[in-house]
């Protein structure tokens, strides 16, 4: 998603100024909160049977069948350079997203809430963020008690094909 999608413009409706906001599905990966733009989310799944694909890159966990469609399962931990989850740390849920008519299942630890956040609170990705994470982040939101890293889904998925 381009930075233009996160513009801090306000809509003027008559004499009233309306702040723009976006909805994000929050997911947890190794204790870190990530946000996926809700408009990119197709489905949320519990643990699925994944068929390993021979010679696939390590981040490609395999493929699964979702209502008759073949879906590529991506291990987000692996792609972000995060060690494998310890027993009980992950519930192996996944978020299904679509890119160029193909479905992808992003395997994450846990699904959180849907948050509506104002564009004016959106910040560029800090230079102190891990370089691998920074590569796939479109920016951040500072929440009361933690940082929400917004995942740039198209960039993340294109990197799997590179």
N, C-alpha and C. Protein backbone atom coordinates (compact mmCIF):
# COMPACT_ATOMS: atom_id res chain seq x y z
N UNK A 1 0.86 -1.16 0.00
CA UNK A 1 0.00 0.00 0.00
C UNK A 1 0.90 1.22 0.00
N UNK A 2 0.64 2.17 -0.84
CA UNK A 2 1.50 3.34 -0.95
C UNK A 2 1.30 4.28 0.21
N UNK A 3 2.29 5.16 0.41
CA UNK A 3 2.18 6.15 1.47
C UNK A 3 1.05 7.11 1.21
N UNK A 4 0.66 7.26 -0.06
CA UNK A 4 -0.45 8.14 -0.39
C UNK A 4 -1.74 7.66 0.27
N UNK A 5 -1.86 6.37 0.46
CA UNK A 5 -3.07 5.82 1.09
C UNK A 5 -3.17 6.26 2.55
N UNK A 6 -2.06 6.70 3.11
CA UNK A 6 -2.05 7.13 4.49
C UNK A 6 -1.96 8.64 4.63
N UNK A 7 -2.43 9.37 3.62
CA UNK A 7 -2.34 10.83 3.68
C UNK A 7 -3.09 11.34 4.90
N UNK A 8 -2.66 12.48 5.37
CA UNK A 8 -3.28 13.05 6.56
C UNK A 8 -4.29 14.11 6.17
N UNK A 9 -4.81 14.03 4.96
CA UNK A 9 -5.82 14.98 4.51
C UNK A 9 -7.09 14.81 5.31
N UNK A 10 -7.82 15.90 5.40
CA UNK A 10 -9.11 15.87 6.08
C UNK A 10 -10.17 16.22 5.05
N UNK A 11 -11.32 15.65 5.21
CA UNK A 11 -12.45 15.97 4.35
C UNK A 11 -13.20 17.13 4.94
N UNK A 12 -13.54 18.07 4.10
CA UNK A 12 -14.36 19.17 4.57
C UNK A 12 -15.78 18.91 4.12
N UNK A 13 -16.68 18.86 5.06
CA UNK A 13 -18.09 18.61 4.79
C UNK A 13 -18.86 19.79 5.35
N UNK A 14 -19.21 20.70 4.43
CA UNK A 14 -19.82 21.94 4.89
C UNK A 14 -18.78 22.72 5.67
N UNK A 15 -19.09 23.12 6.88
CA UNK A 15 -18.15 23.82 7.75
C UNK A 15 -17.43 22.86 8.68
N UNK A 16 -17.75 21.57 8.57
CA UNK A 16 -17.23 20.57 9.49
C UNK A 16 -16.02 19.88 8.88
N UNK A 17 -14.96 19.68 9.65
CA UNK A 17 -13.78 18.95 9.20
C UNK A 17 -13.86 17.54 9.78
N UNK A 18 -13.73 16.54 8.90
CA UNK A 18 -13.84 15.14 9.32
C UNK A 18 -12.46 14.49 9.20
N UNK A 19 -11.96 13.96 10.31
CA UNK A 19 -10.69 13.25 10.29
C UNK A 19 -10.85 11.93 9.56
N UNK A 20 -9.84 11.58 8.76
CA UNK A 20 -9.82 10.30 8.07
C UNK A 20 -9.25 9.24 9.00
N UNK A 21 -9.72 8.01 8.85
CA UNK A 21 -9.19 6.91 9.65
C UNK A 21 -9.21 5.64 8.82
N UNK A 22 -8.46 4.64 9.28
CA UNK A 22 -8.39 3.35 8.61
C UNK A 22 -8.56 2.25 9.65
N UNK A 23 -9.06 1.11 9.18
CA UNK A 23 -9.25 -0.06 10.03
C UNK A 23 -8.13 -1.05 9.77
N UNK A 24 -7.62 -1.64 10.85
CA UNK A 24 -6.55 -2.62 10.76
C UNK A 24 -6.90 -3.84 11.59
N UNK A 25 -6.64 -5.03 11.03
CA UNK A 25 -6.72 -6.26 11.80
C UNK A 25 -5.37 -6.39 12.48
N UNK A 26 -5.37 -6.52 13.79
CA UNK A 26 -4.10 -6.68 14.50
C UNK A 26 -3.76 -8.15 14.64
N UNK A 27 -2.49 -8.45 14.47
CA UNK A 27 -1.99 -9.81 14.63
C UNK A 27 -0.73 -9.73 15.49
N UNK A 28 -0.45 -10.81 16.19
CA UNK A 28 0.73 -10.87 17.05
C UNK A 28 1.69 -11.90 16.50
N UNK A 29 2.95 -11.47 16.38
CA UNK A 29 4.01 -12.36 15.93
C UNK A 29 5.17 -12.17 16.90
N UNK A 30 5.49 -13.21 17.64
CA UNK A 30 6.56 -13.18 18.63
C UNK A 30 6.41 -12.00 19.60
N UNK A 31 5.19 -11.76 20.04
CA UNK A 31 4.93 -10.70 21.01
C UNK A 31 4.79 -9.31 20.43
N UNK A 32 5.11 -9.14 19.14
CA UNK A 32 5.01 -7.83 18.50
C UNK A 32 3.66 -7.69 17.80
N UNK A 33 3.04 -6.54 17.96
CA UNK A 33 1.75 -6.26 17.34
C UNK A 33 1.96 -5.70 15.94
N UNK A 34 1.33 -6.34 14.96
CA UNK A 34 1.35 -5.89 13.57
C UNK A 34 -0.07 -5.56 13.14
N UNK A 35 -0.20 -4.67 12.19
CA UNK A 35 -1.51 -4.33 11.65
C UNK A 35 -1.56 -4.63 10.17
N UNK A 36 -2.67 -5.23 9.75
CA UNK A 36 -2.91 -5.50 8.33
C UNK A 36 -4.14 -4.70 7.95
N UNK A 37 -4.04 -3.85 6.91
CA UNK A 37 -5.22 -3.08 6.49
C UNK A 37 -6.40 -4.01 6.26
N UNK A 38 -7.51 -3.72 6.91
CA UNK A 38 -8.68 -4.62 6.90
C UNK A 38 -9.20 -4.84 5.48
N UNK A 39 -9.04 -3.87 4.61
CA UNK A 39 -9.53 -4.02 3.24
C UNK A 39 -8.74 -5.06 2.46
N UNK A 40 -7.58 -5.46 2.96
CA UNK A 40 -6.77 -6.48 2.30
C UNK A 40 -7.03 -7.88 2.87
N UNK A 41 -7.79 -7.97 3.95
CA UNK A 41 -8.05 -9.25 4.60
C UNK A 41 -9.25 -9.93 3.96
N UNK A 42 -9.04 -11.17 3.52
CA UNK A 42 -10.11 -11.97 2.93
C UNK A 42 -10.77 -12.90 3.95
N UNK A 43 -9.95 -13.42 4.87
CA UNK A 43 -10.44 -14.42 5.81
C UNK A 43 -9.45 -14.57 6.96
N UNK A 44 -9.91 -15.13 8.06
CA UNK A 44 -9.05 -15.48 9.19
C UNK A 44 -9.31 -16.95 9.47
N UNK A 45 -8.23 -17.73 9.55
CA UNK A 45 -8.36 -19.18 9.69
C UNK A 45 -7.67 -19.68 10.95
N UNK A 46 -8.23 -20.75 11.51
CA UNK A 46 -7.53 -21.47 12.57
C UNK A 46 -6.46 -22.33 11.90
N UNK A 47 -5.71 -23.05 12.68
CA UNK A 47 -4.64 -23.90 12.15
C UNK A 47 -5.19 -24.80 11.03
N UNK A 48 -4.48 -24.83 9.92
CA UNK A 48 -4.88 -25.60 8.75
C UNK A 48 -3.82 -26.65 8.43
N UNK A 49 -4.25 -27.70 7.74
CA UNK A 49 -3.30 -28.68 7.22
C UNK A 49 -2.63 -28.08 6.00
N UNK A 50 -1.32 -27.96 6.07
CA UNK A 50 -0.55 -27.36 4.98
C UNK A 50 0.30 -28.45 4.34
N UNK A 51 0.25 -28.53 3.01
CA UNK A 51 1.05 -29.49 2.27
C UNK A 51 2.35 -28.82 1.86
N UNK A 52 3.46 -29.38 2.29
CA UNK A 52 4.79 -28.81 1.98
C UNK A 52 5.02 -28.86 0.48
N UNK A 53 5.64 -27.80 -0.05
CA UNK A 53 5.97 -27.72 -1.47
C UNK A 53 7.48 -27.95 -1.60
N UNK A 54 7.89 -29.01 -2.32
CA UNK A 54 9.33 -29.30 -2.46
C UNK A 54 10.07 -28.12 -3.10
N UNK A 55 11.27 -27.85 -2.59
CA UNK A 55 12.17 -26.82 -3.11
C UNK A 55 11.65 -25.40 -2.97
N UNK A 56 10.61 -25.22 -2.19
CA UNK A 56 10.09 -23.87 -1.95
C UNK A 56 11.02 -23.14 -0.99
N UNK A 57 11.04 -21.81 -1.05
CA UNK A 57 11.85 -21.05 -0.08
C UNK A 57 11.40 -21.35 1.35
N UNK A 58 12.26 -21.16 2.34
CA UNK A 58 11.92 -21.52 3.72
C UNK A 58 10.68 -20.82 4.26
N UNK A 59 10.40 -19.61 3.80
CA UNK A 59 9.22 -18.89 4.31
C UNK A 59 7.91 -19.41 3.73
N UNK A 60 7.98 -20.20 2.66
CA UNK A 60 6.77 -20.79 2.09
C UNK A 60 6.51 -22.10 2.84
N UNK A 61 5.52 -22.07 3.71
CA UNK A 61 5.20 -23.25 4.52
C UNK A 61 4.58 -24.35 3.67
N UNK A 62 3.96 -23.98 2.56
CA UNK A 62 3.32 -24.95 1.67
C UNK A 62 2.06 -24.37 1.07
N UNK A 63 1.12 -25.26 0.79
CA UNK A 63 -0.15 -24.81 0.22
C UNK A 63 -1.29 -25.49 0.95
N UNK A 64 -2.46 -24.86 0.87
CA UNK A 64 -3.65 -25.44 1.47
C UNK A 64 -4.83 -25.19 0.56
N UNK A 65 -5.89 -25.94 0.79
CA UNK A 65 -7.10 -25.82 -0.01
C UNK A 65 -8.13 -25.05 0.80
N UNK A 66 -8.55 -23.92 0.26
CA UNK A 66 -9.55 -23.09 0.92
C UNK A 66 -10.76 -22.98 0.01
N UNK A 67 -11.80 -23.73 0.33
CA UNK A 67 -13.03 -23.73 -0.45
C UNK A 67 -12.76 -23.93 -1.95
N UNK A 68 -11.89 -24.88 -2.25
CA UNK A 68 -11.62 -25.23 -3.64
C UNK A 68 -10.52 -24.42 -4.30
N UNK A 69 -9.96 -23.45 -3.61
CA UNK A 69 -8.86 -22.65 -4.17
C UNK A 69 -7.56 -23.03 -3.48
N UNK A 70 -6.50 -23.10 -4.27
CA UNK A 70 -5.19 -23.38 -3.71
C UNK A 70 -4.62 -22.07 -3.17
N UNK A 71 -4.17 -22.11 -1.93
CA UNK A 71 -3.66 -20.93 -1.24
C UNK A 71 -2.22 -21.20 -0.81
N UNK A 72 -1.32 -20.28 -1.11
CA UNK A 72 0.07 -20.40 -0.68
C UNK A 72 0.18 -19.92 0.77
N UNK A 73 0.72 -20.78 1.63
CA UNK A 73 0.88 -20.46 3.05
C UNK A 73 2.29 -19.91 3.29
N UNK A 74 2.34 -18.70 3.86
CA UNK A 74 3.61 -18.03 4.12
C UNK A 74 3.84 -17.96 5.63
N UNK A 75 4.99 -18.44 6.08
CA UNK A 75 5.35 -18.36 7.49
C UNK A 75 5.94 -16.97 7.74
N UNK A 76 5.17 -16.09 8.34
CA UNK A 76 5.60 -14.70 8.55
C UNK A 76 6.81 -14.64 9.47
N UNK A 77 6.84 -15.49 10.50
CA UNK A 77 8.00 -15.53 11.40
C UNK A 77 9.29 -15.75 10.61
N UNK A 78 9.27 -16.75 9.74
CA UNK A 78 10.45 -17.09 8.96
C UNK A 78 10.87 -15.93 8.07
N UNK A 79 9.92 -15.32 7.40
CA UNK A 79 10.23 -14.22 6.48
C UNK A 79 10.79 -13.01 7.22
N UNK A 80 10.34 -12.78 8.44
CA UNK A 80 10.82 -11.64 9.23
C UNK A 80 12.07 -11.97 10.05
N UNK A 81 12.59 -13.19 9.90
CA UNK A 81 13.80 -13.57 10.61
C UNK A 81 13.59 -13.83 12.09
N UNK A 82 12.37 -14.20 12.46
CA UNK A 82 12.05 -14.47 13.86
C UNK A 82 12.16 -15.98 14.08
N UNK A 83 12.83 -16.41 15.16
CA UNK A 83 12.96 -17.85 15.41
C UNK A 83 11.60 -18.54 15.53
N UNK A 84 11.63 -19.84 15.30
CA UNK A 84 10.42 -20.66 15.40
C UNK A 84 9.80 -20.50 16.79
N UNK A 85 8.48 -20.54 16.84
CA UNK A 85 7.76 -20.36 18.11
C UNK A 85 8.03 -21.52 19.06
N UNK A 86 8.14 -21.18 20.33
CA UNK A 86 8.25 -22.20 21.36
C UNK A 86 6.88 -22.81 21.58
N UNK A 87 6.86 -24.00 22.14
CA UNK A 87 5.60 -24.68 22.40
C UNK A 87 4.69 -23.80 23.25
N UNK A 88 3.45 -23.62 22.80
CA UNK A 88 2.47 -22.83 23.53
C UNK A 88 2.52 -21.34 23.23
N UNK A 89 3.55 -20.88 22.49
CA UNK A 89 3.69 -19.46 22.18
C UNK A 89 2.82 -19.05 20.99
N UNK A 90 2.48 -20.01 20.14
CA UNK A 90 1.76 -19.69 18.92
C UNK A 90 0.53 -20.58 18.78
N UNK A 91 -0.54 -20.00 18.25
CA UNK A 91 -1.73 -20.80 17.97
C UNK A 91 -1.83 -21.11 16.49
N UNK A 92 -0.81 -20.70 15.71
CA UNK A 92 -0.75 -20.97 14.27
C UNK A 92 -2.04 -20.60 13.54
N UNK A 93 -2.48 -19.41 13.75
CA UNK A 93 -3.63 -18.92 13.00
C UNK A 93 -3.10 -18.31 11.71
N UNK A 94 -4.00 -17.99 10.80
CA UNK A 94 -3.55 -17.34 9.58
C UNK A 94 -4.58 -16.34 9.08
N UNK A 95 -4.05 -15.36 8.38
CA UNK A 95 -4.87 -14.32 7.78
C UNK A 95 -4.72 -14.48 6.27
N UNK A 96 -5.84 -14.62 5.58
CA UNK A 96 -5.82 -14.79 4.13
C UNK A 96 -5.94 -13.43 3.47
N UNK A 97 -4.99 -13.15 2.57
CA UNK A 97 -4.99 -11.91 1.82
C UNK A 97 -4.90 -12.25 0.33
N UNK A 98 -5.27 -11.30 -0.51
CA UNK A 98 -5.23 -11.52 -1.95
C UNK A 98 -4.30 -10.52 -2.60
N UNK A 99 -3.51 -11.00 -3.55
CA UNK A 99 -2.64 -10.14 -4.34
C UNK A 99 -2.64 -10.66 -5.77
N UNK A 100 -3.00 -9.79 -6.70
CA UNK A 100 -3.02 -10.15 -8.12
C UNK A 100 -3.81 -11.43 -8.36
N UNK A 101 -4.97 -11.53 -7.82
CA UNK A 101 -5.94 -12.64 -7.93
C UNK A 101 -5.47 -13.94 -7.26
N UNK A 102 -4.32 -13.93 -6.61
CA UNK A 102 -3.84 -15.11 -5.89
C UNK A 102 -4.09 -14.92 -4.40
N UNK A 103 -4.47 -16.02 -3.72
CA UNK A 103 -4.68 -15.98 -2.28
C UNK A 103 -3.43 -16.46 -1.55
N UNK A 104 -3.14 -15.81 -0.43
CA UNK A 104 -2.02 -16.16 0.42
C UNK A 104 -2.50 -16.25 1.86
N UNK A 105 -2.01 -17.25 2.56
CA UNK A 105 -2.33 -17.42 3.97
C UNK A 105 -1.09 -17.02 4.77
N UNK A 106 -1.19 -15.93 5.51
CA UNK A 106 -0.07 -15.45 6.32
C UNK A 106 -0.17 -16.11 7.69
N UNK A 107 0.73 -17.03 7.97
CA UNK A 107 0.71 -17.76 9.24
C UNK A 107 1.31 -16.87 10.33
N UNK A 108 0.51 -16.61 11.35
CA UNK A 108 0.91 -15.73 12.44
C UNK A 108 0.65 -16.45 13.77
N UNK A 109 1.07 -15.84 14.87
CA UNK A 109 0.87 -16.46 16.18
C UNK A 109 -0.56 -16.34 16.67
N UNK A 110 -1.09 -15.12 16.62
CA UNK A 110 -2.44 -14.86 17.14
C UNK A 110 -3.08 -13.73 16.37
N UNK A 111 -4.39 -13.75 16.33
CA UNK A 111 -5.17 -12.65 15.76
C UNK A 111 -5.69 -11.82 16.92
N UNK A 112 -5.59 -10.51 16.78
CA UNK A 112 -6.07 -9.60 17.82
C UNK A 112 -7.39 -8.98 17.42
N UNK A 113 -7.52 -7.70 17.70
CA UNK A 113 -8.75 -6.96 17.43
C UNK A 113 -8.64 -6.19 16.13
N UNK A 114 -9.77 -5.64 15.71
CA UNK A 114 -9.78 -4.68 14.61
C UNK A 114 -9.74 -3.30 15.26
N UNK A 115 -8.77 -2.49 14.85
CA UNK A 115 -8.62 -1.14 15.39
C UNK A 115 -8.90 -0.11 14.31
N UNK A 116 -9.61 0.93 14.65
CA UNK A 116 -9.81 2.06 13.77
C UNK A 116 -8.88 3.16 14.26
N UNK A 117 -7.95 3.55 13.39
CA UNK A 117 -6.92 4.52 13.79
C UNK A 117 -6.93 5.72 12.85
N UNK A 118 -6.74 6.89 13.43
CA UNK A 118 -6.75 8.13 12.66
C UNK A 118 -5.47 8.25 11.83
N UNK A 119 -5.64 8.71 10.59
CA UNK A 119 -4.49 8.93 9.71
C UNK A 119 -3.48 9.90 10.32
N UNK A 120 -3.96 10.87 11.07
CA UNK A 120 -3.07 11.88 11.63
C UNK A 120 -2.09 11.29 12.65
N UNK A 121 -2.38 10.10 13.17
CA UNK A 121 -1.49 9.44 14.13
C UNK A 121 -0.50 8.49 13.47
N UNK A 122 -0.62 8.32 12.15
CA UNK A 122 0.27 7.44 11.39
C UNK A 122 1.65 8.08 11.30
N UNK A 123 2.70 7.29 11.56
CA UNK A 123 4.07 7.80 11.52
C UNK A 123 4.91 6.95 10.59
N UNK A 124 5.97 7.55 10.02
CA UNK A 124 6.88 6.76 9.20
C UNK A 124 7.55 5.68 10.05
N UNK A 125 8.05 4.67 9.40
CA UNK A 125 8.73 3.59 10.10
C UNK A 125 10.02 4.14 10.74
N UNK A 126 10.21 3.93 12.04
CA UNK A 126 11.41 4.45 12.70
C UNK A 126 12.67 3.71 12.24
N UNK A 127 13.78 4.43 12.19
CA UNK A 127 15.04 3.82 11.77
C UNK A 127 15.54 2.79 12.79
N UNK A 128 15.02 2.85 14.00
CA UNK A 128 15.45 1.92 15.05
C UNK A 128 14.78 0.55 14.93
N UNK A 129 13.77 0.44 14.07
CA UNK A 129 13.10 -0.84 13.87
C UNK A 129 14.05 -1.79 13.14
N UNK A 130 13.98 -3.06 13.46
CA UNK A 130 14.81 -4.07 12.80
C UNK A 130 14.77 -3.86 11.28
N UNK A 131 15.92 -3.88 10.59
CA UNK A 131 15.95 -3.62 9.15
C UNK A 131 15.04 -4.54 8.33
N UNK A 132 14.94 -5.80 8.70
CA UNK A 132 14.06 -6.72 7.96
C UNK A 132 12.60 -6.30 8.14
N UNK A 133 12.22 -5.95 9.35
CA UNK A 133 10.85 -5.51 9.61
C UNK A 133 10.59 -4.19 8.90
N UNK A 134 11.59 -3.29 8.94
CA UNK A 134 11.44 -1.98 8.31
C UNK A 134 11.17 -2.11 6.81
N UNK A 135 11.79 -3.12 6.20
CA UNK A 135 11.61 -3.35 4.76
C UNK A 135 10.15 -3.62 4.41
N UNK A 136 9.42 -4.26 5.32
CA UNK A 136 8.04 -4.67 5.03
C UNK A 136 7.00 -3.85 5.79
N UNK A 137 7.42 -2.78 6.41
CA UNK A 137 6.49 -1.92 7.16
C UNK A 137 6.20 -0.66 6.35
N UNK A 138 4.95 -0.27 6.33
CA UNK A 138 4.61 0.99 5.66
C UNK A 138 4.62 2.14 6.66
N UNK A 139 4.67 1.83 7.95
CA UNK A 139 4.70 2.84 9.00
C UNK A 139 4.25 2.24 10.31
N UNK A 140 4.00 3.12 11.28
CA UNK A 140 3.62 2.66 12.62
C UNK A 140 2.53 3.55 13.21
N UNK A 141 1.90 3.02 14.23
CA UNK A 141 1.03 3.78 15.12
C UNK A 141 1.54 3.52 16.53
N UNK A 142 1.64 4.57 17.33
CA UNK A 142 2.01 4.41 18.73
C UNK A 142 0.72 4.27 19.53
N UNK A 143 0.50 3.08 20.06
CA UNK A 143 -0.66 2.84 20.90
C UNK A 143 -0.29 3.14 22.34
N UNK A 144 -1.25 3.07 23.24
CA UNK A 144 -0.99 3.40 24.64
C UNK A 144 0.18 2.63 25.23
N UNK A 145 0.21 1.32 24.96
CA UNK A 145 1.22 0.50 25.62
C UNK A 145 2.18 -0.21 24.68
N UNK A 146 2.03 -0.02 23.37
CA UNK A 146 2.97 -0.66 22.45
C UNK A 146 2.90 -0.05 21.06
N UNK A 147 3.82 -0.51 20.23
CA UNK A 147 3.94 -0.04 18.87
C UNK A 147 3.18 -0.97 17.94
N UNK A 148 2.38 -0.42 17.04
CA UNK A 148 1.68 -1.21 16.02
C UNK A 148 2.42 -0.99 14.71
N UNK A 149 3.06 -2.03 14.20
CA UNK A 149 3.78 -1.96 12.94
C UNK A 149 2.81 -2.35 11.82
N UNK A 150 2.62 -1.45 10.85
CA UNK A 150 1.70 -1.72 9.75
C UNK A 150 2.44 -2.48 8.66
N UNK A 151 1.96 -3.67 8.36
CA UNK A 151 2.58 -4.53 7.35
C UNK A 151 2.18 -4.08 5.96
N UNK A 152 3.17 -3.85 5.11
CA UNK A 152 2.93 -3.52 3.70
C UNK A 152 2.74 -4.86 2.98
N UNK A 153 1.51 -5.31 2.89
CA UNK A 153 1.21 -6.65 2.40
C UNK A 153 1.72 -6.88 0.97
N UNK A 154 1.45 -5.99 0.01
CA UNK A 154 1.97 -6.23 -1.35
C UNK A 154 3.50 -6.36 -1.38
N UNK A 155 4.20 -5.48 -0.69
CA UNK A 155 5.67 -5.54 -0.68
C UNK A 155 6.13 -6.85 -0.04
N UNK A 156 5.48 -7.24 1.05
CA UNK A 156 5.82 -8.48 1.74
C UNK A 156 5.64 -9.69 0.81
N UNK A 157 4.50 -9.76 0.12
CA UNK A 157 4.23 -10.90 -0.75
C UNK A 157 5.11 -10.89 -2.00
N UNK A 158 5.37 -9.73 -2.56
CA UNK A 158 6.26 -9.66 -3.73
C UNK A 158 7.66 -10.14 -3.38
N UNK A 159 8.10 -9.92 -2.15
CA UNK A 159 9.43 -10.34 -1.74
C UNK A 159 9.54 -11.87 -1.68
N UNK A 160 8.43 -12.53 -1.46
CA UNK A 160 8.43 -14.00 -1.42
C UNK A 160 8.68 -14.54 -2.83
N UNK A 161 8.19 -13.82 -3.84
CA UNK A 161 8.35 -14.26 -5.23
C UNK A 161 9.71 -13.87 -5.81
N UNK A 162 10.42 -12.96 -5.15
CA UNK A 162 11.68 -12.45 -5.71
C UNK A 162 12.77 -13.50 -5.69
